[in-house]
C-alpha atoms as a PDB file:
ATOM      1  CA  MET A   1     112.885 125.315 113.521  1.00  0.00           C
ATOM      2  CA  CYS A   2     110.901 122.470 112.073  1.00  0.00           C
ATOM      3  CA  VAL A   3     109.422 121.984 108.660  1.00  0.00           C
ATOM      4  CA  ILE A   4     106.290 119.632 108.532  1.00  0.00           C
ATOM      5  CA  THR A   5     104.351 118.866 105.113  1.00  0.00           C
ATOM      6  CA  GLY A   6     100.805 117.525 105.048  1.00  0.00           C
ATOM      7  CA  ALA A   7     100.008 119.240 108.381  1.00  0.00           C
ATOM      8  CA  THR A   8      96.398 120.328 108.278  1.00  0.00           C
ATOM      9  CA  ARG A   9      95.220 116.829 108.388  1.00  0.00           C
ATOM     10  CA  GLY A  10      95.478 113.470 110.541  1.00  0.00           C
ATOM     11  CA  ILE A  11      99.253 112.310 111.570  1.00  0.00           C
ATOM     12  CA  GLY A  12     100.661 115.528 110.250  1.00  0.00           C
ATOM     13  CA  ARG A  13      98.256 117.891 112.115  1.00  0.00           C
ATOM     14  CA  ALA A  14      98.743 116.042 115.026  1.00  0.00           C
ATOM     15  CA  THR A  15     102.541 116.174 114.754  1.00  0.00           C
ATOM     16  CA  ALA A  16     102.438 119.915 114.255  1.00  0.00           C
ATOM     17  CA  THR A  17     100.296 120.508 117.407  1.00  0.00           C
ATOM     18  CA  ALA A  18     102.845 118.357 119.432  1.00  0.00           C
ATOM     19  CA  LEU A  19     106.080 120.169 118.094  1.00  0.00           C
ATOM     20  CA  ALA A  20     104.286 123.568 118.820  1.00  0.00           C
ATOM     21  CA  ARG A  21     103.444 122.496 122.452  1.00  0.00           C
ATOM     22  CA  LEU A  22     107.001 121.815 122.941  1.00  0.00           C
ATOM     23  CA  GLY A  23     107.639 125.263 121.950  1.00  0.00           C
ATOM     24  CA  ALA A  24     109.083 124.788 118.419  1.00  0.00           C
ATOM     25  CA  ASP A  25     108.777 126.946 115.794  1.00  0.00           C
ATOM     26  CA  VAL A  26     106.768 125.098 113.304  1.00  0.00           C
ATOM     27  CA  VAL A  27     106.358 125.656 109.449  1.00  0.00           C
ATOM     28  CA  MET A  28     103.577 124.103 107.848  1.00  0.00           C
ATOM     29  CA  LEU A  29     103.496 123.100 103.869  1.00  0.00           C
ATOM     30  CA  GLY A  30     100.382 122.296 102.130  1.00  0.00           C
ATOM     31  CA  ARG A  31      98.175 122.894  99.177  1.00  0.00           C
ATOM     32  CA  ASP A  32      94.944 124.589 100.743  1.00  0.00           C
ATOM     33  CA  GLU A  33      95.794 128.222 101.904  1.00  0.00           C
ATOM     34  CA  ALA A  34      92.564 128.475 103.530  1.00  0.00           C
ATOM     35  CA  ARG A  35      92.926 125.022 105.234  1.00  0.00           C
ATOM     36  CA  LEU A  36      96.488 126.107 106.125  1.00  0.00           C
ATOM     37  CA  ASP A  37      95.527 129.354 107.697  1.00  0.00           C
ATOM     38  CA  ALA A  38      92.630 127.896 109.575  1.00  0.00           C
ATOM     39  CA  THR A  39      95.087 125.258 111.207  1.00  0.00           C
ATOM     40  CA  ARG A  40      97.693 127.975 112.117  1.00  0.00           C
ATOM     41  CA  ALA A  41      95.300 129.746 113.967  1.00  0.00           C
ATOM     42  CA  GLU A  42      93.852 126.383 115.668  1.00  0.00           C
ATOM     43  CA  LEU A  43      97.389 125.364 116.760  1.00  0.00           C
ATOM     44  CA  GLN A  44      98.294 128.977 117.990  1.00  0.00           C
ATOM     45  CA  ARG A  45      95.114 128.938 120.307  1.00  0.00           C
ATOM     46  CA  LEU A  46      95.756 125.206 121.407  1.00  0.00           C
ATOM     47  CA  THR A  47      99.312 125.414 122.317  1.00  0.00           C
ATOM     48  CA  SER A  48      99.838 129.279 122.962  1.00  0.00           C
ATOM     49  CA  ASN A  49     102.388 129.262 120.519  1.00  0.00           C
ATOM     50  CA  ASP A  50     102.546 132.164 117.986  1.00  0.00           C
ATOM     51  CA  ARG A  51     105.544 130.654 116.136  1.00  0.00           C
ATOM     52  CA  VAL A  52     103.458 128.813 113.821  1.00  0.00           C
ATOM     53  CA  PHE A  53     103.581 129.552 110.215  1.00  0.00           C
ATOM     54  CA  TRP A  54     102.715 128.065 106.760  1.00  0.00           C
ATOM     55  CA  VAL A  55     103.966 128.110 103.190  1.00  0.00           C
ATOM     56  CA  HIS A  56     102.080 126.847 100.202  1.00  0.00           C
ATOM     57  CA  ALA A  57     103.034 123.860  98.603  1.00  0.00           C
ATOM     58  CA  ASP A  58     101.179 121.682  95.959  1.00  0.00           C
ATOM     59  CA  PHE A  59     103.087 118.213  95.988  1.00  0.00           C
ATOM     60  CA  ALA A  60     101.675 117.458  92.811  1.00  0.00           C
ATOM     61  CA  SER A  61     103.746 119.824  91.201  1.00  0.00           C
ATOM     62  CA  LEU A  62     107.495 119.956  91.207  1.00  0.00           C
ATOM     63  CA  ASP A  63     107.381 123.678  90.315  1.00  0.00           C
ATOM     64  CA  SER A  64     105.435 124.107  93.446  1.00  0.00           C
ATOM     65  CA  VAL A  65     107.701 122.169  95.525  1.00  0.00           C
ATOM     66  CA  ARG A  66     110.628 124.238  94.133  1.00  0.00           C
ATOM     67  CA  GLY A  67     108.737 127.357  94.851  1.00  0.00           C
ATOM     68  CA  ALA A  68     108.198 126.395  98.451  1.00  0.00           C
ATOM     69  CA  ALA A  69     111.583 125.283  99.124  1.00  0.00           C
ATOM     70  CA  GLU A  70     112.667 128.710  97.909  1.00  0.00           C
ATOM     71  CA  GLU A  71     110.673 130.525 100.216  1.00  0.00           C
ATOM     72  CA  VAL A  72     111.276 128.391 103.240  1.00  0.00           C
ATOM     73  CA  SER A  73     115.190 128.693 102.618  1.00  0.00           C
ATOM     74  CA  HIS A  74     114.660 132.459 102.253  1.00  0.00           C
ATOM     75  CA  ARG A  75     112.315 132.900 105.290  1.00  0.00           C
ATOM     76  CA  TRP A  76     114.158 130.397 107.723  1.00  0.00           C
ATOM     77  CA  PRO A  77     117.835 130.062 106.431  1.00  0.00           C
ATOM     78  CA  ALA A  78     118.419 127.384 109.235  1.00  0.00           C
ATOM     79  CA  ILE A  79     115.953 124.350 109.811  1.00  0.00           C
ATOM     80  CA  HIS A  80     116.615 121.897 112.587  1.00  0.00           C
ATOM     81  CA  VAL A  81     113.827 119.209 111.555  1.00  0.00           C
ATOM     82  CA  LEU A  82     112.272 118.267 108.431  1.00  0.00           C
ATOM     83  CA  ILE A  83     109.332 115.817 108.395  1.00  0.00           C
ATOM     84  CA  ASN A  84     108.197 114.373 105.029  1.00  0.00           C
ATOM     85  CA  ASN A  85     104.798 113.641 106.091  1.00  0.00           C
ATOM     86  CA  ALA A  86     102.395 114.729 103.254  1.00  0.00           C
ATOM     87  CA  GLY A  87     100.920 111.380 101.104  1.00  0.00           C
ATOM     88  CA  VAL A  88      98.136 110.167  98.931  1.00  0.00           C
ATOM     89  CA  ASN A  89      96.656 106.827  98.019  1.00  0.00           C
ATOM     90  CA  ALA A  90      95.016 107.719  94.790  1.00  0.00           C
ATOM     91  CA  ALA A  91      91.804 104.877  94.098  1.00  0.00           C
ATOM     92  CA  ARG A  92      92.529 105.576  90.296  1.00  0.00           C
ATOM     93  CA  ARG A  93      95.214 106.089  88.281  1.00  0.00           C
ATOM     94  CA  ALA A  94      95.772 109.892  87.772  1.00  0.00           C
ATOM     95  CA  LYS A  95      98.838 112.251  86.839  1.00  0.00           C
ATOM     96  CA  SER A  96     100.509 114.901  88.480  1.00  0.00           C
ATOM     97  CA  ALA A  97     101.012 118.391  87.092  1.00  0.00           C
ATOM     98  CA  ASP A  98     104.540 117.043  85.584  1.00  0.00           C
ATOM     99  CA  GLY A  99     102.572 113.764  83.992  1.00  0.00           C
ATOM    100  CA  HIS A 100     103.724 111.406  86.501  1.00  0.00           C
ATOM    101  CA  GLU A 101     101.709 108.780  88.204  1.00  0.00           C
ATOM    102  CA  LEU A 102     100.050 110.745  91.217  1.00  0.00           C
ATOM    103  CA  THR A 103     100.858 108.298  94.078  1.00  0.00           C
ATOM    104  CA  PHE A 104     104.290 108.100  93.232  1.00  0.00           C
ATOM    105  CA  ALA A 105     104.813 111.584  92.585  1.00  0.00           C
ATOM    106  CA  VAL A 106     103.473 113.014  95.763  1.00  0.00           C
ATOM    107  CA  ASN A 107     104.551 110.238  98.058  1.00  0.00           C
ATOM    108  CA  HIS A 108     108.379 110.075  96.658  1.00  0.00           C
ATOM    109  CA  LEU A 109     109.075 112.520  94.014  1.00  0.00           C
ATOM    110  CA  ALA A 110     107.818 115.761  95.635  1.00  0.00           C
ATOM    111  CA  PRO A 111     109.455 114.885  99.283  1.00  0.00           C
ATOM    112  CA  PHE A 112     112.791 113.912  97.246  1.00  0.00           C
ATOM    113  CA  LEU A 113     112.829 117.101  95.575  1.00  0.00           C
ATOM    114  CA  LEU A 114     112.001 119.047  99.005  1.00  0.00           C
ATOM    115  CA  THR A 115     114.293 117.479 101.002  1.00  0.00           C
ATOM    116  CA  MET A 116     117.399 117.881  98.505  1.00  0.00           C
ATOM    117  CA  SER A 117     116.366 121.638  98.152  1.00  0.00           C
ATOM    118  CA  LEU A 118     116.220 122.164 101.748  1.00  0.00           C
ATOM    119  CA  ILE A 119     119.650 120.414 102.897  1.00  0.00           C
ATOM    120  CA  PRO A 120     121.779 123.498 102.748  1.00  0.00           C
ATOM    121  CA  ALA A 121     119.645 125.006 105.403  1.00  0.00           C
ATOM    122  CA  LEU A 122     119.438 121.735 107.230  1.00  0.00           C
ATOM    123  CA  ALA A 123     123.456 122.076 107.321  1.00  0.00           C
ATOM    124  CA  ARG A 124     123.043 125.194 108.818  1.00  0.00           C
ATOM    125  CA  GLY A 125     120.847 124.299 111.211  1.00  0.00           C
ATOM    126  CA  ALA A 126     122.889 120.992 112.262  1.00  0.00           C
ATOM    127  CA  PRO A 127     122.918 118.955 113.958  1.00  0.00           C
ATOM    128  CA  ALA A 128     119.486 118.352 112.027  1.00  0.00           C
ATOM    129  CA  ARG A 129     117.263 115.574 111.622  1.00  0.00           C
ATOM    130  CA  ILE A 130     114.988 114.525 108.419  1.00  0.00           C
ATOM    131  CA  VAL A 131     111.883 112.223 109.338  1.00  0.00           C
ATOM    132  CA  ASN A 132     110.384 110.513 106.575  1.00  0.00           C
ATOM    133  CA  ILE A 133     107.064 109.182 106.866  1.00  0.00           C
ATOM    134  CA  ALA A 134     106.779 105.238 105.784  1.00  0.00           C
ATOM    135  CA  SER A 135     104.633 102.340 106.223  1.00  0.00           C
ATOM    136  CA  VAL A 136     104.094  98.972 107.057  1.00  0.00           C
ATOM    137  CA  PHE A 137     102.940  98.404 103.747  1.00  0.00           C
ATOM    138  CA  ALA A 138     106.409  99.198 102.121  1.00  0.00           C
ATOM    139  CA  PHE A 139     106.930  95.471 103.329  1.00  0.00           C
ATOM    140  CA  LEU A 140     104.323  94.356 100.348  1.00  0.00           C
ATOM    141  CA  GLY A 141     105.896  96.925  98.034  1.00  0.00           C
ATOM    142  CA  ARG A 142     108.053  95.922  95.064  1.00  0.00           C
ATOM    143  CA  LEU A 143     109.847  98.815  93.003  1.00  0.00           C
ATOM    144  CA  GLN A 144     109.198  98.453  89.484  1.00  0.00           C
ATOM    145  CA  ALA A 145     112.626 100.297  88.465  1.00  0.00           C
ATOM    146  CA  ASP A 146     111.663 100.075  84.596  1.00  0.00           C
ATOM    147  CA  ASP A 147     108.358 101.202  85.079  1.00  0.00           C
ATOM    148  CA  LEU A 148     107.823 103.369  88.059  1.00  0.00           C
ATOM    149  CA  MET A 149     104.834 105.122  86.752  1.00  0.00           C
ATOM    150  CA  MET A 150     103.115 101.823  85.972  1.00  0.00           C
ATOM    151  CA  THR A 151     102.094 102.470  82.678  1.00  0.00           C
ATOM    152  CA  ARG A 152     102.718  99.113  81.255  1.00  0.00           C
ATOM    153  CA  ARG A 153     100.274  97.442  83.384  1.00  0.00           C
ATOM    154  CA  ARG A 154      96.751  98.002  84.647  1.00  0.00           C
ATOM    155  CA  TYR A 155      96.851 100.289  87.547  1.00  0.00           C
ATOM    156  CA  ASP A 156      96.270  98.840  91.107  1.00  0.00           C
ATOM    157  CA  ALA A 157      96.174 101.399  93.587  1.00  0.00           C
ATOM    158  CA  MET A 158      97.639  99.038  96.227  1.00  0.00           C
ATOM    159  CA  ARG A 159     100.493  98.090  94.192  1.00  0.00           C
ATOM    160  CA  ALA A 160     101.244 102.153  93.567  1.00  0.00           C
ATOM    161  CA  TYR A 161     100.847 102.867  97.332  1.00  0.00           C
ATOM    162  CA  THR A 162     103.271 100.000  98.435  1.00  0.00           C
ATOM    163  CA  GLN A 163     105.778 100.753  95.786  1.00  0.00           C
ATOM    164  CA  SER A 164     105.795 104.602  97.097  1.00  0.00           C
ATOM    165  CA  LYS A 165     106.348 103.558 100.575  1.00  0.00           C
ATOM    166  CA  LEU A 166     109.085 101.090  99.842  1.00  0.00           C
ATOM    167  CA  ALA A 167     110.869 104.313  98.016  1.00  0.00           C
ATOM    168  CA  THR A 168     110.483 106.337 100.831  1.00  0.00           C
ATOM    169  CA  MET A 169     112.511 103.543 102.934  1.00  0.00           C
ATOM    170  CA  MET A 170     114.960 103.324 100.112  1.00  0.00           C
ATOM    171  CA  PHE A 171     115.352 107.027 100.018  1.00  0.00           C
ATOM    172  CA  THR A 172     116.061 107.017 103.677  1.00  0.00           C
ATOM    173  CA  VAL A 173     118.755 104.735 103.635  1.00  0.00           C
ATOM    174  CA  GLU A 174     120.483 105.970 100.642  1.00  0.00           C
ATOM    175  CA  LEU A 175     120.473 109.618 101.804  1.00  0.00           C
ATOM    176  CA  ALA A 176     121.672 108.702 105.107  1.00  0.00           C
ATOM    177  CA  ALA A 177     124.536 107.004 103.484  1.00  0.00           C
ATOM    178  CA  ARG A 178     125.302 110.291 101.341  1.00  0.00           C
ATOM    179  CA  LEU A 179     125.096 112.430 104.488  1.00  0.00           C
ATOM    180  CA  GLU A 180     127.402 110.000 106.515  1.00  0.00           C
ATOM    181  CA  ARG A 181     129.995 112.754 107.065  1.00  0.00           C
ATOM    182  CA  SER A 182     127.345 115.496 107.912  1.00  0.00           C
ATOM    183  CA  ALA A 183     125.658 116.369 110.878  1.00  0.00           C
ATOM    184  CA  ILE A 184     121.903 115.605 109.373  1.00  0.00           C
ATOM    185  CA  ALA A 185     120.526 112.417 110.279  1.00  0.00           C
ATOM    186  CA  VAL A 186     117.796 110.514 108.362  1.00  0.00           C
ATOM    187  CA  ASN A 187     115.331 108.079 109.700  1.00  0.00           C
ATOM    188  CA  CYS A 188     112.023 107.086 108.600  1.00  0.00           C
ATOM    189  CA  VAL A 189     109.052 106.214 110.896  1.00  0.00           C
ATOM    190  CA  SER A 190     106.559 103.392 110.506  1.00  0.00           C
ATOM    191  CA  PRO A 191     103.471 105.229 112.356  1.00  0.00           C
ATOM    192  CA  GLY A 192     101.301 102.033 112.516  1.00  0.00           C
ATOM    193  CA  LEU A 193      97.845 101.622 111.105  1.00  0.00           C
ATOM    194  CA  VAL A 194      96.168 104.793 111.732  1.00  0.00           C
ATOM    195  CA  SER A 195      92.738 106.152 111.766  1.00  0.00           C
ATOM    196  CA  THR A 196      92.945 109.058 109.140  1.00  0.00           C
ATOM    197  CA  ASP A 197      91.257 110.222 105.726  1.00  0.00           C
ATOM    198  CA  LEU A 198      94.196 108.889 103.496  1.00  0.00           C
ATOM    199  CA  LEU A 199      92.088 106.449 102.281  1.00  0.00           C
ATOM    200  CA  ARG A 200      89.090 108.749 101.561  1.00  0.00           C
ATOM    201  CA  GLN A 201      89.066 108.130  97.802  1.00  0.00           C
ATOM    202  CA  HIS A 202      88.388 104.305  98.500  1.00  0.00           C
ATOM    203  CA  TRP A 203      85.043 102.395  98.676  1.00  0.00           C
ATOM    204  CA  TYR A 204      85.905 100.831 102.225  1.00  0.00           C
ATOM    205  CA  SER A 205      86.195 104.655 103.677  1.00  0.00           C
ATOM    206  CA  ALA A 206      82.585 105.136 103.680  1.00  0.00           C
ATOM    207  CA  PRO A 207      81.164 106.690 106.726  1.00  0.00           C
ATOM    208  CA  TRP A 208      79.353 103.519 107.713  1.00  0.00           C
ATOM    209  CA  LEU A 209      82.487 101.064 107.268  1.00  0.00           C
ATOM    210  CA  ARG A 210      84.641 103.582 108.832  1.00  0.00           C
ATOM    211  CA  ARG A 211      82.803 103.207 112.160  1.00  0.00           C
ATOM    212  CA  LEU A 212      83.318  99.701 112.047  1.00  0.00           C
ATOM    213  CA  TRP A 213      87.136  99.748 111.466  1.00  0.00           C
ATOM    214  CA  SER A 214      88.205 102.947 112.932  1.00  0.00           C
ATOM    215  CA  PRO A 215      88.154 101.777 116.456  1.00  0.00           C
ATOM    216  CA  LEU A 216      90.684  98.838 115.762  1.00  0.00           C
ATOM    217  CA  LEU A 217      93.329 101.604 114.371  1.00  0.00           C
ATOM    218  CA  MET A 218      95.614 103.833 116.261  1.00  0.00           C
ATOM    219  CA  THR A 219      94.835 107.762 116.697  1.00  0.00           C
ATOM    220  CA  PRO A 220      96.759 110.472 114.703  1.00  0.00           C
ATOM    221  CA  GLU A 221      98.104 111.617 118.158  1.00  0.00           C
ATOM    222  CA  ARG A 222      99.697 108.248 119.239  1.00  0.00           C
ATOM    223  CA  ALA A 223     100.929 107.823 115.769  1.00  0.00           C
ATOM    224  CA  ALA A 224     102.496 111.620 115.948  1.00  0.00           C
ATOM    225  CA  ALA A 225     104.222 110.563 119.350  1.00  0.00           C
ATOM    226  CA  ARG A 226     106.403 108.386 117.421  1.00  0.00           C
ATOM    227  CA  ILE A 227     107.080 110.959 114.983  1.00  0.00           C
ATOM    228  CA  VAL A 228     107.919 113.451 117.580  1.00  0.00           C
ATOM    229  CA  ARG A 229     110.268 111.175 119.448  1.00  0.00           C
ATOM    230  CA  THR A 230     112.280 110.239 116.392  1.00  0.00           C
ATOM    231  CA  ALA A 231     112.758 113.827 115.709  1.00  0.00           C
ATOM    232  CA  THR A 232     113.658 115.096 119.150  1.00  0.00           C
ATOM    233  CA  SER A 233     114.782 112.383 121.422  1.00  0.00           C
ATOM    234  CA  ASP A 234     118.408 112.737 122.440  1.00  0.00           C
ATOM    235  CA  LYS A 235     118.729 109.144 122.834  1.00  0.00           C
ATOM    236  CA  LEU A 236     118.454 109.045 119.041  1.00  0.00           C
ATOM    237  CA  ALA A 237     121.177 111.819 118.407  1.00  0.00           C
ATOM    238  CA  GLY A 238     123.352 110.807 115.424  1.00  0.00           C
ATOM    239  CA  VAL A 239     121.446 107.824 114.811  1.00  0.00           C
ATOM    240  CA  SER A 240     120.763 107.782 110.917  1.00  0.00           C
ATOM    241  CA  GLY A 241     119.370 105.143 108.325  1.00  0.00           C
ATOM    242  CA  GLN A 242     116.891 103.670 110.431  1.00  0.00           C
ATOM    243  CA  CYS A 243     113.340 102.949 110.788  1.00  0.00           C
ATOM    244  CA  PHE A 244     111.756 103.301 114.173  1.00  0.00           C
ATOM    245  CA  ALA A 245     108.161 102.488 115.063  1.00  0.00           C
ATOM    246  CA  MET A 246     106.838 101.659 118.656  1.00  0.00           C
ATOM    247  CA  SER A 247     110.113 102.220 120.526  1.00  0.00           C
ATOM    248  CA  GLU A 248     113.560 103.802 120.290  1.00  0.00           C
ATOM    249  CA  GLN A 249     114.906 100.759 118.981  1.00  0.00           C
ATOM    250  CA  PRO A 250     115.267 100.504 115.095  1.00  0.00           C
ATOM    251  CA  ALA A 251     112.589  98.392 113.391  1.00  0.00           C
ATOM    252  CA  PHE A 252     112.835  95.966 110.596  1.00  0.00           C
ATOM    253  CA  MET A 253     112.776  97.112 107.048  1.00  0.00           C
ATOM    254  CA  PRO A 254     112.369  95.196 103.970  1.00  0.00           C
ATOM    255  CA  PRO A 255     115.189  93.185 102.483  1.00  0.00           C
ATOM    256  CA  ALA A 256     114.970  95.432  99.209  1.00  0.00           C
ATOM    257  CA  VAL A 257     116.040  98.506 101.322  1.00  0.00           C
ATOM    258  CA  ARG A 258     119.312  97.059 101.695  1.00  0.00           C
ATOM    259  CA  ASP A 259     120.119  96.467  98.054  1.00  0.00           C
ATOM    260  CA  SER A 260     122.574  99.425  97.404  1.00  0.00           C
ATOM    261  CA  ALA A 261     122.340  99.055  93.697  1.00  0.00           C
ATOM    262  CA  ALA A 262     118.436  99.257  93.586  1.00  0.00           C
ATOM    263  CA  ARG A 263     118.793 102.061  95.982  1.00  0.00           C
ATOM    264  CA  GLN A 264     121.071 103.743  93.439  1.00  0.00           C
ATOM    265  CA  ARG A 265     118.686 103.071  90.543  1.00  0.00           C
ATOM    266  CA  LEU A 266     115.691 104.845  92.394  1.00  0.00           C
ATOM    267  CA  TRP A 267     117.991 107.665  93.338  1.00  0.00           C
ATOM    268  CA  ASP A 268     119.378 108.194  89.575  1.00  0.00           C
ATOM    269  CA  ALA A 269     115.633 108.071  88.434  1.00  0.00           C
ATOM    270  CA  SER A 270     114.627 110.316  91.213  1.00  0.00           C
ATOM    271  CA  VAL A 271     117.170 113.134  90.227  1.00  0.00           C
ATOM    272  CA  ALA A 272     116.301 112.650  86.533  1.00  0.00           C
ATOM    273  CA  LEU A 273     112.679 113.168  87.062  1.00  0.00           C
ATOM    274  CA  THR A 274     112.843 116.178  89.456  1.00  0.00           C
ATOM    275  CA  GLY A 275     115.910 117.743  88.428  1.00  0.00           C
ATOM    276  CA  ALA A 276     117.241 117.697  91.834  1.00  0.00           C
ATOM    277  CA  PRO A 277     120.387 119.065  92.884  1.00  0.00           C
ATOM    278  CA  ASP A 278     122.544 116.349  94.586  1.00  0.00           C
ATOM    279  CA  VAL A 279     123.719 118.653  97.144  1.00  0.00           C
ATOM    280  CA  ALA A 280     124.286 115.529  99.436  1.00  0.00           C
ATOM    281  CA  ALA A 281     127.411 114.656  97.068  1.00  0.00           C
ATOM    282  CA  MET A 282     128.791 118.017  98.304  1.00  0.00           C
ATOM    283  CA  LEU A 283     128.099 117.563 101.940  1.00  0.00           C
ATOM    284  CA  ARG A 284     129.757 114.080 101.762  1.00  0.00           C
ATOM    285  CA  ALA A 285     133.077 115.421 100.019  1.00  0.00           C
ATOM    286  CA  PRO A 286     136.374 115.558 102.149  1.00  0.00           C
ATOM    287  CA  ARG A 287     136.792 118.951 103.512  1.00  0.00           C
END
């Protein structure tokens, strides 16, 4: 059983398609029910796999994420793979339903809450894997621990995005450490520079400009291959706390990711902002 967020567009859709072709049960999470239903029908037709499902989840609302996690856990008590793919890159300052800066809320807080809420189901499906979708832009990120919502300075879309992707890598490494005694592996994937509509709000995604730069980028299918490999490769069984890109060899991560004190501050802030249960603590406790 594989759960994937943001599965109706770009990399997420390509990843869901590839997993369905492998014969996996696939649960897609997203906010547009009509698009989810159309994607389910299309994937079932393309892959001849009728075990494709969807659950509504708006990642700009923590209540919606909680509801989705409850529904998924109820319908599929044992999960083998969770892929946190959904993301945004807001061109202008915007707030989530909970009043948080939108890019940080969708790219970090929502997957943090979803993952923590689904850990019991992942434990029941163990050995299980969590795959977080990171970005090469994390190397440009700086975590503003005292101003995660960027309210004390002029909003900058690139700074917000790079901070959120650095947080993705830090969350991956910290969660892997907290789940060390469990049979749940946690890794992230840097899919590369991919031709998707993630930047659709920005001026440089105008159709005439996209025609110029899109041929220089990877296709969603090539990027999805990296994600599927990390989620399924036998060679990576038991490997945790790493980032993967072009191969099964771990890729470099920004030095800030290895700062355990910074990771702890991010973790504490994430728990406070989401109210997520620290079920990872229970799983790592001696039995």
